[in-house]
PDB file of all heavy atoms in Angstrom:
ATOM      1  N   LYS A   1      -7.543   6.462   7.447  1.00  0.00           N
ATOM      2  CA  LYS A   1      -6.246   7.130   7.400  1.00  0.00           C
ATOM      3  C   LYS A   1      -5.195   6.436   8.249  1.00  0.00           C
ATOM      4  O   LYS A   1      -4.031   6.309   7.857  1.00  0.00           O
ATOM      5  CB  LYS A   1      -6.404   8.598   7.830  1.00  0.00           C
ATOM      6  CG  LYS A   1      -5.328   9.523   7.279  1.00  0.00           C
ATOM      7  CD  LYS A   1      -5.352   9.582   5.770  1.00  0.00           C
ATOM      8  CE  LYS A   1      -4.317  10.552   5.202  1.00  0.00           C
ATOM      9  NZ  LYS A   1      -4.732  11.951   5.311  1.00  0.00           N
ATOM     10  N   ASP A   2      -5.562   5.944   9.447  1.00  0.00           N
ATOM     11  CA  ASP A   2      -4.568   5.262  10.273  1.00  0.00           C
ATOM     12  C   ASP A   2      -4.185   3.908   9.681  1.00  0.00           C
ATOM     13  O   ASP A   2      -3.023   3.488   9.772  1.00  0.00           O
ATOM     14  CB  ASP A   2      -5.031   5.115  11.720  1.00  0.00           C
ATOM     15  CG  ASP A   2      -6.417   4.531  11.875  1.00  0.00           C
ATOM     16  OD1 ASP A   2      -7.127   4.389  10.867  1.00  0.00           O
ATOM     17  OD2 ASP A   2      -6.809   4.209  13.024  1.00  0.00           O
ATOM     18  N   THR A   3      -5.128   3.250   9.014  1.00  0.00           N
ATOM     19  CA  THR A   3      -4.821   1.992   8.326  1.00  0.00           C
ATOM     20  C   THR A   3      -3.895   2.270   7.150  1.00  0.00           C
ATOM     21  O   THR A   3      -2.944   1.517   6.902  1.00  0.00           O
ATOM     22  CB  THR A   3      -6.113   1.307   7.829  1.00  0.00           C
ATOM     23  OG1 THR A   3      -6.987   1.117   8.928  1.00  0.00           O
ATOM     24  CG2 THR A   3      -5.797  -0.029   7.183  1.00  0.00           C
ATOM     25  N   ALA A   4      -4.178   3.341   6.417  1.00  0.00           N
ATOM     26  CA  ALA A   4      -3.321   3.721   5.291  1.00  0.00           C
ATOM     27  C   ALA A   4      -1.902   3.990   5.761  1.00  0.00           C
ATOM     28  O   ALA A   4      -0.923   3.601   5.108  1.00  0.00           O
ATOM     29  CB  ALA A   4      -3.893   4.958   4.593  1.00  0.00           C
ATOM     30  N   ASN A   5      -1.766   4.643   6.894  1.00  0.00           N
ATOM     31  CA  ASN A   5      -0.432   4.950   7.432  1.00  0.00           C
ATOM     32  C   ASN A   5       0.284   3.663   7.826  1.00  0.00           C
ATOM     33  O   ASN A   5       1.495   3.507   7.581  1.00  0.00           O
ATOM     34  CB  ASN A   5      -0.560   5.867   8.641  1.00  0.00           C
ATOM     35  CG  ASN A   5       0.763   6.405   9.101  1.00  0.00           C
ATOM     36  OD1 ASN A   5       1.527   6.980   8.315  1.00  0.00           O
ATOM     37  ND2 ASN A   5       1.065   6.248  10.379  1.00  0.00           N
ATOM     38  N   PHE A   6      -0.451   2.731   8.432  1.00  0.00           N
ATOM     39  CA  PHE A   6       0.142   1.431   8.783  1.00  0.00           C
ATOM     40  C   PHE A   6       0.606   0.697   7.527  1.00  0.00           C
ATOM     41  O   PHE A   6       1.710   0.115   7.501  1.00  0.00           O
ATOM     42  CB  PHE A   6      -0.885   0.584   9.545  1.00  0.00           C
ATOM     43  CG  PHE A   6      -0.428  -0.820   9.823  1.00  0.00           C
ATOM     44  CD1 PHE A   6       0.529  -1.064  10.778  1.00  0.00           C
ATOM     45  CD2 PHE A   6      -0.964  -1.882   9.101  1.00  0.00           C
ATOM     46  CE1 PHE A   6       0.952  -2.370  11.042  1.00  0.00           C
ATOM     47  CE2 PHE A   6      -0.551  -3.174   9.348  1.00  0.00           C
ATOM     48  CZ  PHE A   6       0.417  -3.423  10.318  1.00  0.00           C
ATOM     49  N   LEU A   7      -0.205   0.741   6.490  1.00  0.00           N
ATOM     50  CA  LEU A   7       0.158   0.079   5.237  1.00  0.00           C
ATOM     51  C   LEU A   7       1.429   0.690   4.641  1.00  0.00           C
ATOM     52  O   LEU A   7       2.284  -0.029   4.120  1.00  0.00           O
ATOM     53  CB  LEU A   7      -1.011   0.194   4.249  1.00  0.00           C
ATOM     54  CG  LEU A   7      -0.948  -0.649   2.985  1.00  0.00           C
ATOM     55  CD1 LEU A   7      -0.894  -2.136   3.320  1.00  0.00           C
ATOM     56  CD2 LEU A   7      -2.163  -0.346   2.103  1.00  0.00           C
ATOM     57  N   ARG A   8       1.541   2.004   4.735  1.00  0.00           N
ATOM     58  CA  ARG A   8       2.750   2.689   4.264  1.00  0.00           C
ATOM     59  C   ARG A   8       3.980   2.196   5.011  1.00  0.00           C
ATOM     60  O   ARG A   8       5.030   1.958   4.427  1.00  0.00           O
ATOM     61  CB  ARG A   8       2.625   4.203   4.487  1.00  0.00           C
ATOM     62  CG  ARG A   8       1.660   4.918   3.593  1.00  0.00           C
ATOM     63  CD  ARG A   8       1.497   6.365   4.045  1.00  0.00           C
ATOM     64  NE  ARG A   8       2.688   7.143   3.802  1.00  0.00           N
ATOM     65  CZ  ARG A   8       3.288   7.935   4.696  1.00  0.00           C
ATOM     66  NH1 ARG A   8       2.817   8.011   5.914  1.00  0.00           N
ATOM     67  NH2 ARG A   8       4.344   8.624   4.376  1.00  0.00           N
ATOM     68  N   ILE A   9       3.848   2.061   6.329  1.00  0.00           N
ATOM     69  CA  ILE A   9       4.974   1.624   7.150  1.00  0.00           C
ATOM     70  C   ILE A   9       5.400   0.201   6.774  1.00  0.00           C
ATOM     71  O   ILE A   9       6.585  -0.091   6.576  1.00  0.00           O
ATOM     72  CB  ILE A   9       4.609   1.702   8.642  1.00  0.00           C
ATOM     73  CG1 ILE A   9       4.460   3.170   9.062  1.00  0.00           C
ATOM     74  CG2 ILE A   9       5.673   1.011   9.497  1.00  0.00           C
ATOM     75  CD1 ILE A   9       3.860   3.356  10.430  1.00  0.00           C
ATOM     76  N   VAL A  10       4.415  -0.694   6.655  1.00  0.00           N
ATOM     77  CA  VAL A  10       4.718  -2.082   6.315  1.00  0.00           C
ATOM     78  C   VAL A  10       5.389  -2.159   4.943  1.00  0.00           C
ATOM     79  O   VAL A  10       6.421  -2.819   4.772  1.00  0.00           O
ATOM     80  CB  VAL A  10       3.436  -2.941   6.327  1.00  0.00           C
ATOM     81  CG1 VAL A  10       3.713  -4.327   5.749  1.00  0.00           C
ATOM     82  CG2 VAL A  10       2.879  -3.044   7.738  1.00  0.00           C
ATOM     83  N   ALA A  11       4.820  -1.480   3.955  1.00  0.00           N
ATOM     84  CA  ALA A  11       5.370  -1.522   2.603  1.00  0.00           C
ATOM     85  C   ALA A  11       6.769  -0.906   2.544  1.00  0.00           C
ATOM     86  O   ALA A  11       7.650  -1.408   1.835  1.00  0.00           O
ATOM     87  CB  ALA A  11       4.437  -0.797   1.636  1.00  0.00           C
ATOM     88  N   THR A  12       6.986   0.141   3.303  1.00  0.00           N
ATOM     89  CA  THR A  12       8.302   0.782   3.339  1.00  0.00           C
ATOM     90  C   THR A  12       9.335  -0.161   3.944  1.00  0.00           C
ATOM     91  O   THR A  12      10.477  -0.246   3.466  1.00  0.00           O
ATOM     92  CB  THR A  12       8.253   2.087   4.153  1.00  0.00           C
ATOM     93  OG1 THR A  12       7.316   2.984   3.560  1.00  0.00           O
ATOM     94  CG2 THR A  12       9.614   2.761   4.201  1.00  0.00           C
ATOM     95  N   MET A  13       8.960  -0.887   4.983  1.00  0.00           N
ATOM     96  CA  MET A  13       9.886  -1.823   5.618  1.00  0.00           C
ATOM     97  C   MET A  13      10.181  -3.028   4.731  1.00  0.00           C
ATOM     98  O   MET A  13      11.318  -3.453   4.613  1.00  0.00           O
ATOM     99  CB  MET A  13       9.293  -2.286   6.949  1.00  0.00           C
ATOM    100  CG  MET A  13       9.219  -1.199   8.008  1.00  0.00           C
ATOM    101  SD  MET A  13       8.380  -1.766   9.521  1.00  0.00           S
ATOM    102  CE  MET A  13       9.509  -3.041  10.080  1.00  0.00           C
ATOM    103  N   VAL A  14       9.136  -3.549   4.097  1.00  0.00           N
ATOM    104  CA  VAL A  14       9.292  -4.771   3.306  1.00  0.00           C
ATOM    105  C   VAL A  14       9.941  -4.490   1.955  1.00  0.00           C
ATOM    106  O   VAL A  14      10.733  -5.284   1.452  1.00  0.00           O
ATOM    107  CB  VAL A  14       7.924  -5.457   3.102  1.00  0.00           C
ATOM    108  CG1 VAL A  14       8.042  -6.675   2.196  1.00  0.00           C
ATOM    109  CG2 VAL A  14       7.329  -5.849   4.444  1.00  0.00           C
ATOM    110  N   GLN A  15       9.610  -3.340   1.353  1.00  0.00           N
ATOM    111  CA  GLN A  15      10.051  -2.986   0.002  1.00  0.00           C
ATOM    112  C   GLN A  15       9.857  -4.177  -0.957  1.00  0.00           C
ATOM    113  O   GLN A  15      10.803  -4.697  -1.556  1.00  0.00           O
ATOM    114  CB  GLN A  15      11.507  -2.514   0.012  1.00  0.00           C
ATOM    115  CG  GLN A  15      11.679  -1.094   0.519  1.00  0.00           C
ATOM    116  CD  GLN A  15      10.902  -0.061  -0.312  1.00  0.00           C
ATOM    117  OE1 GLN A  15      11.018   0.003  -1.536  1.00  0.00           O
ATOM    118  NE2 GLN A  15      10.093   0.733   0.367  1.00  0.00           N
ATOM    119  N   PRO A  16       8.634  -4.612  -1.090  1.00  0.00           N
ATOM    120  CA  PRO A  16       8.340  -5.788  -1.913  1.00  0.00           C
ATOM    121  C   PRO A  16       8.563  -5.515  -3.404  1.00  0.00           C
ATOM    122  O   PRO A  16       8.322  -4.420  -3.882  1.00  0.00           O
ATOM    123  CB  PRO A  16       6.861  -6.040  -1.630  1.00  0.00           C
ATOM    124  CG  PRO A  16       6.322  -4.686  -1.290  1.00  0.00           C
ATOM    125  CD  PRO A  16       7.417  -3.994  -0.547  1.00  0.00           C
ATOM    126  N   LYS A  17       9.004  -6.549  -4.107  1.00  0.00           N
ATOM    127  CA  LYS A  17       9.150  -6.424  -5.552  1.00  0.00           C
ATOM    128  C   LYS A  17       7.793  -6.599  -6.232  1.00  0.00           C
ATOM    129  O   LYS A  17       7.511  -5.936  -7.230  1.00  0.00           O
ATOM    130  CB  LYS A  17      10.145  -7.469  -6.075  1.00  0.00           C
ATOM    131  CG  LYS A  17      11.581  -7.245  -5.615  1.00  0.00           C
ATOM    132  CD  LYS A  17      12.491  -8.300  -6.183  1.00  0.00           C
ATOM    133  CE  LYS A  17      13.929  -8.063  -5.736  1.00  0.00           C
ATOM    134  NZ  LYS A  17      14.852  -9.112  -6.261  1.00  0.00           N
ATOM    135  N   LYS A  18       6.970  -7.474  -5.675  1.00  0.00           N
ATOM    136  CA  LYS A  18       5.654  -7.732  -6.263  1.00  0.00           C
ATOM    137  C   LYS A  18       4.591  -7.685  -5.174  1.00  0.00           C
ATOM    138  O   LYS A  18       4.732  -8.327  -4.134  1.00  0.00           O
ATOM    139  CB  LYS A  18       5.632  -9.067  -6.984  1.00  0.00           C
ATOM    140  CG  LYS A  18       6.557  -9.130  -8.191  1.00  0.00           C
ATOM    141  CD  LYS A  18       6.450 -10.454  -8.912  1.00  0.00           C
ATOM    142  CE  LYS A  18       5.127 -10.585  -9.599  1.00  0.00           C
ATOM    143  NZ  LYS A  18       5.032 -11.826 -10.413  1.00  0.00           N
ATOM    144  N   ILE A  19       3.537  -6.926  -5.448  1.00  0.00           N
ATOM    145  CA  ILE A  19       2.439  -6.746  -4.499  1.00  0.00           C
ATOM    146  C   ILE A  19       1.126  -7.176  -5.150  1.00  0.00           C
ATOM    147  O   ILE A  19       0.878  -6.849  -6.313  1.00  0.00           O
ATOM    148  CB  ILE A  19       2.316  -5.259  -4.073  1.00  0.00           C
ATOM    149  CG1 ILE A  19       3.614  -4.759  -3.443  1.00  0.00           C
ATOM    150  CG2 ILE A  19       1.138  -5.063  -3.127  1.00  0.00           C
ATOM    151  CD1 ILE A  19       3.643  -3.256  -3.224  1.00  0.00           C
ATOM    152  N   LEU A  20       0.312  -7.885  -4.380  1.00  0.00           N
ATOM    153  CA  LEU A  20      -1.035  -8.211  -4.820  1.00  0.00           C
ATOM    154  C   LEU A  20      -2.011  -7.514  -3.896  1.00  0.00           C
ATOM    155  O   LEU A  20      -1.939  -7.666  -2.672  1.00  0.00           O
ATOM    156  CB  LEU A  20      -1.271  -9.723  -4.783  1.00  0.00           C
ATOM    157  CG  LEU A  20      -2.705 -10.193  -5.105  1.00  0.00           C
ATOM    158  CD1 LEU A  20      -3.087  -9.834  -6.540  1.00  0.00           C
ATOM    159  CD2 LEU A  20      -2.846 -11.700  -4.878  1.00  0.00           C
ATOM    160  N   GLU A  21      -2.928  -6.752  -4.477  1.00  0.00           N
ATOM    161  CA  GLU A  21      -3.987  -6.090  -3.719  1.00  0.00           C
ATOM    162  C   GLU A  21      -5.328  -6.670  -4.144  1.00  0.00           C
ATOM    163  O   GLU A  21      -5.635  -6.698  -5.349  1.00  0.00           O
ATOM    164  CB  GLU A  21      -3.954  -4.588  -3.961  1.00  0.00           C
ATOM    165  CG  GLU A  21      -5.058  -3.835  -3.232  1.00  0.00           C
ATOM    166  CD  GLU A  21      -5.071  -2.345  -3.546  1.00  0.00           C
ATOM    167  OE1 GLU A  21      -4.951  -1.988  -4.744  1.00  0.00           O
ATOM    168  OE2 GLU A  21      -5.209  -1.562  -2.604  1.00  0.00           O
ATOM    169  N   ILE A  22      -6.113  -7.079  -3.180  1.00  0.00           N
ATOM    170  CA  ILE A  22      -7.433  -7.648  -3.471  1.00  0.00           C
ATOM    171  C   ILE A  22      -8.478  -6.648  -3.004  1.00  0.00           C
ATOM    172  O   ILE A  22      -8.730  -6.486  -1.820  1.00  0.00           O
ATOM    173  CB  ILE A  22      -7.611  -9.007  -2.761  1.00  0.00           C
ATOM    174  CG1 ILE A  22      -6.486  -9.957  -3.186  1.00  0.00           C
ATOM    175  CG2 ILE A  22      -8.968  -9.613  -3.078  1.00  0.00           C
ATOM    176  CD1 ILE A  22      -6.314 -11.152  -2.267  1.00  0.00           C
ATOM    177  N   GLY A  23      -9.049  -5.929  -3.964  1.00  0.00           N
ATOM    178  CA  GLY A  23      -9.990  -4.866  -3.679  1.00  0.00           C
ATOM    179  C   GLY A  23      -9.395  -3.512  -3.995  1.00  0.00           C
ATOM    180  O   GLY A  23      -8.879  -2.823  -3.116  1.00  0.00           O
ATOM    181  N   THR A  24      -9.469  -3.109  -5.256  1.00  0.00           N
ATOM    182  CA  THR A  24      -8.874  -1.843  -5.678  1.00  0.00           C
ATOM    183  C   THR A  24      -9.725  -0.644  -5.278  1.00  0.00           C
ATOM    184  O   THR A  24      -9.199   0.405  -4.897  1.00  0.00           O
ATOM    185  CB  THR A  24      -8.739  -1.797  -7.234  1.00  0.00           C
ATOM    186  OG1 THR A  24      -8.214  -3.029  -7.715  1.00  0.00           O
ATOM    187  CG2 THR A  24      -7.861  -0.641  -7.675  1.00  0.00           C
ATOM    188  N   ALA A  25     -11.039  -0.794  -5.411  1.00  0.00           N
ATOM    189  CA  ALA A  25     -11.977   0.335  -5.307  1.00  0.00           C
ATOM    190  C   ALA A  25     -11.533   1.407  -6.302  1.00  0.00           C
ATOM    191  O   ALA A  25     -11.392   1.117  -7.484  1.00  0.00           O
ATOM    192  CB  ALA A  25     -12.081   0.855  -3.876  1.00  0.00           C
ATOM    193  N   ILE A  26     -11.274   2.625  -5.843  1.00  0.00           N
ATOM    194  CA  ILE A  26     -10.888   3.705  -6.777  1.00  0.00           C
ATOM    195  C   ILE A  26      -9.372   3.897  -6.831  1.00  0.00           C
ATOM    196  O   ILE A  26      -8.890   4.846  -7.445  1.00  0.00           O
ATOM    197  CB  ILE A  26     -11.568   5.025  -6.418  1.00  0.00           C
ATOM    198  CG1 ILE A  26     -11.217   5.468  -4.996  1.00  0.00           C
ATOM    199  CG2 ILE A  26     -13.095   4.895  -6.592  1.00  0.00           C
ATOM    200  CD1 ILE A  26     -11.738   6.851  -4.619  1.00  0.00           C
ATOM    201  N   GLY A  27      -8.623   2.998  -6.191  1.00  0.00           N
ATOM    202  CA  GLY A  27      -7.158   3.053  -6.296  1.00  0.00           C
ATOM    203  C   GLY A  27      -6.461   3.825  -5.193  1.00  0.00           C
ATOM    204  O   GLY A  27      -5.271   4.119  -5.306  1.00  0.00           O
ATOM    205  N   TYR A  28      -7.154   4.139  -4.120  1.00  0.00           N
ATOM    206  CA  TYR A  28      -6.573   4.954  -3.055  1.00  0.00           C
ATOM    207  C   TYR A  28      -5.402   4.242  -2.375  1.00  0.00           C
ATOM    208  O   TYR A  28      -4.289   4.778  -2.292  1.00  0.00           O
ATOM    209  CB  TYR A  28      -7.649   5.317  -2.033  1.00  0.00           C
ATOM    210  CG  TYR A  28      -7.157   6.178  -0.892  1.00  0.00           C
ATOM    211  CD1 TYR A  28      -6.904   7.525  -1.081  1.00  0.00           C
ATOM    212  CD2 TYR A  28      -6.946   5.636   0.379  1.00  0.00           C
ATOM    213  CE1 TYR A  28      -6.451   8.325  -0.026  1.00  0.00           C
ATOM    214  CE2 TYR A  28      -6.506   6.422   1.431  1.00  0.00           C
ATOM    215  CZ  TYR A  28      -6.260   7.759   1.217  1.00  0.00           C
ATOM    216  OH  TYR A  28      -5.807   8.535   2.250  1.00  0.00           O
ATOM    217  N   SER A  29      -5.636   3.041  -1.885  1.00  0.00           N
ATOM    218  CA  SER A  29      -4.557   2.305  -1.223  1.00  0.00           C
ATOM    219  C   SER A  29      -3.511   1.839  -2.224  1.00  0.00           C
ATOM    220  O   SER A  29      -2.323   1.720  -1.885  1.00  0.00           O
ATOM    221  CB  SER A  29      -5.106   1.120  -0.430  1.00  0.00           C
ATOM    222  OG  SER A  29      -5.935   0.305  -1.227  1.00  0.00           O
ATOM    223  N   THR A  30      -3.928   1.605  -3.457  1.00  0.00           N
ATOM    224  CA  THR A  30      -2.983   1.227  -4.512  1.00  0.00           C
ATOM    225  C   THR A  30      -1.956   2.328  -4.700  1.00  0.00           C
ATOM    226  O   THR A  30      -0.755   2.061  -4.819  1.00  0.00           O
ATOM    227  CB  THR A  30      -3.726   0.993  -5.840  1.00  0.00           C
ATOM    228  OG1 THR A  30      -4.978   0.369  -5.587  1.00  0.00           O
ATOM    229  CG2 THR A  30      -2.890   0.144  -6.780  1.00  0.00           C
ATOM    230  N   LYS A  31      -2.425   3.552  -4.740  1.00  0.00           N
ATOM    231  CA  LYS A  31      -1.535   4.702  -4.910  1.00  0.00           C
ATOM    232  C   LYS A  31      -0.556   4.806  -3.744  1.00  0.00           C
ATOM    233  O   LYS A  31       0.641   5.102  -3.951  1.00  0.00           O
ATOM    234  CB  LYS A  31      -2.340   5.993  -5.018  1.00  0.00           C
ATOM    235  CG  LYS A  31      -1.493   7.251  -5.172  1.00  0.00           C
ATOM    236  CD  LYS A  31      -2.346   8.500  -5.200  1.00  0.00           C
ATOM    237  CE  LYS A  31      -1.492   9.729  -5.438  1.00  0.00           C
ATOM    238  NZ  LYS A  31      -0.445   9.929  -4.400  1.00  0.00           N
ATOM    239  N   ILE A  32      -1.020   4.568  -2.539  1.00  0.00           N
ATOM    240  CA  ILE A  32      -0.143   4.625  -1.368  1.00  0.00           C
ATOM    241  C   ILE A  32       0.975   3.597  -1.498  1.00  0.00           C
ATOM    242  O   ILE A  32       2.142   3.897  -1.239  1.00  0.00           O
ATOM    243  CB  ILE A  32      -0.966   4.400  -0.090  1.00  0.00           C
ATOM    244  CG1 ILE A  32      -1.829   5.649   0.194  1.00  0.00           C
ATOM    245  CG2 ILE A  32      -0.075   4.077   1.101  1.00  0.00           C
ATOM    246  CD1 ILE A  32      -2.842   5.476   1.276  1.00  0.00           C
ATOM    247  N   LEU A  33       0.629   2.393  -1.909  1.00  0.00           N
ATOM    248  CA  LEU A  33       1.630   1.342  -2.085  1.00  0.00           C
ATOM    249  C   LEU A  33       2.639   1.720  -3.166  1.00  0.00           C
ATOM    250  O   LEU A  33       3.851   1.536  -3.003  1.00  0.00           O
ATOM    251  CB  LEU A  33       0.952   0.024  -2.430  1.00  0.00           C
ATOM    252  CG  LEU A  33       0.137  -0.624  -1.319  1.00  0.00           C
ATOM    253  CD1 LEU A  33      -0.728  -1.759  -1.865  1.00  0.00           C
ATOM    254  CD2 LEU A  33       1.057  -1.156  -0.221  1.00  0.00           C
ATOM    255  N   LEU A  34       2.165   2.250  -4.269  1.00  0.00           N
ATOM    256  CA  LEU A  34       3.038   2.626  -5.367  1.00  0.00           C
ATOM    257  C   LEU A  34       3.970   3.776  -4.987  1.00  0.00           C
ATOM    258  O   LEU A  34       5.126   3.833  -5.418  1.00  0.00           O
ATOM    259  CB  LEU A  34       2.208   3.010  -6.592  1.00  0.00           C
ATOM    260  CG  LEU A  34       1.488   1.836  -7.279  1.00  0.00           C
ATOM    261  CD1 LEU A  34       0.379   2.343  -8.176  1.00  0.00           C
ATOM    262  CD2 LEU A  34       2.489   1.011  -8.095  1.00  0.00           C
ATOM    263  N   ASP A  35       3.480   4.683  -4.166  1.00  0.00           N
ATOM    264  CA  ASP A  35       4.275   5.852  -3.772  1.00  0.00           C
ATOM    265  C   ASP A  35       5.458   5.472  -2.881  1.00  0.00           C
ATOM    266  O   ASP A  35       6.519   6.081  -2.961  1.00  0.00           O
ATOM    267  CB  ASP A  35       3.401   6.874  -3.046  1.00  0.00           C
ATOM    268  CG  ASP A  35       2.561   7.711  -4.003  1.00  0.00           C
ATOM    269  OD1 ASP A  35       2.888   7.757  -5.211  1.00  0.00           O
ATOM    270  OD2 ASP A  35       1.571   8.308  -3.543  1.00  0.00           O
ATOM    271  N   VAL A  36       5.260   4.490  -1.997  1.00  0.00           N
ATOM    272  CA  VAL A  36       6.350   4.146  -1.075  1.00  0.00           C
ATOM    273  C   VAL A  36       7.203   2.984  -1.567  1.00  0.00           C
ATOM    274  O   VAL A  36       8.255   2.704  -0.988  1.00  0.00           O
ATOM    275  CB  VAL A  36       5.816   3.821   0.341  1.00  0.00           C
ATOM    276  CG1 VAL A  36       5.131   5.028   0.929  1.00  0.00           C
ATOM    277  CG2 VAL A  36       4.892   2.628   0.338  1.00  0.00           C
TER     278      VAL A  36
END
């Protein structure tokens, strides 16, 4: 959860147009990136 929160902060600051995620698993962190 704390890693997920850090990822949210980074993605919110960067506001990237294109993101690459290596290791989807069930899409939990993917969803976090898409939401922010």
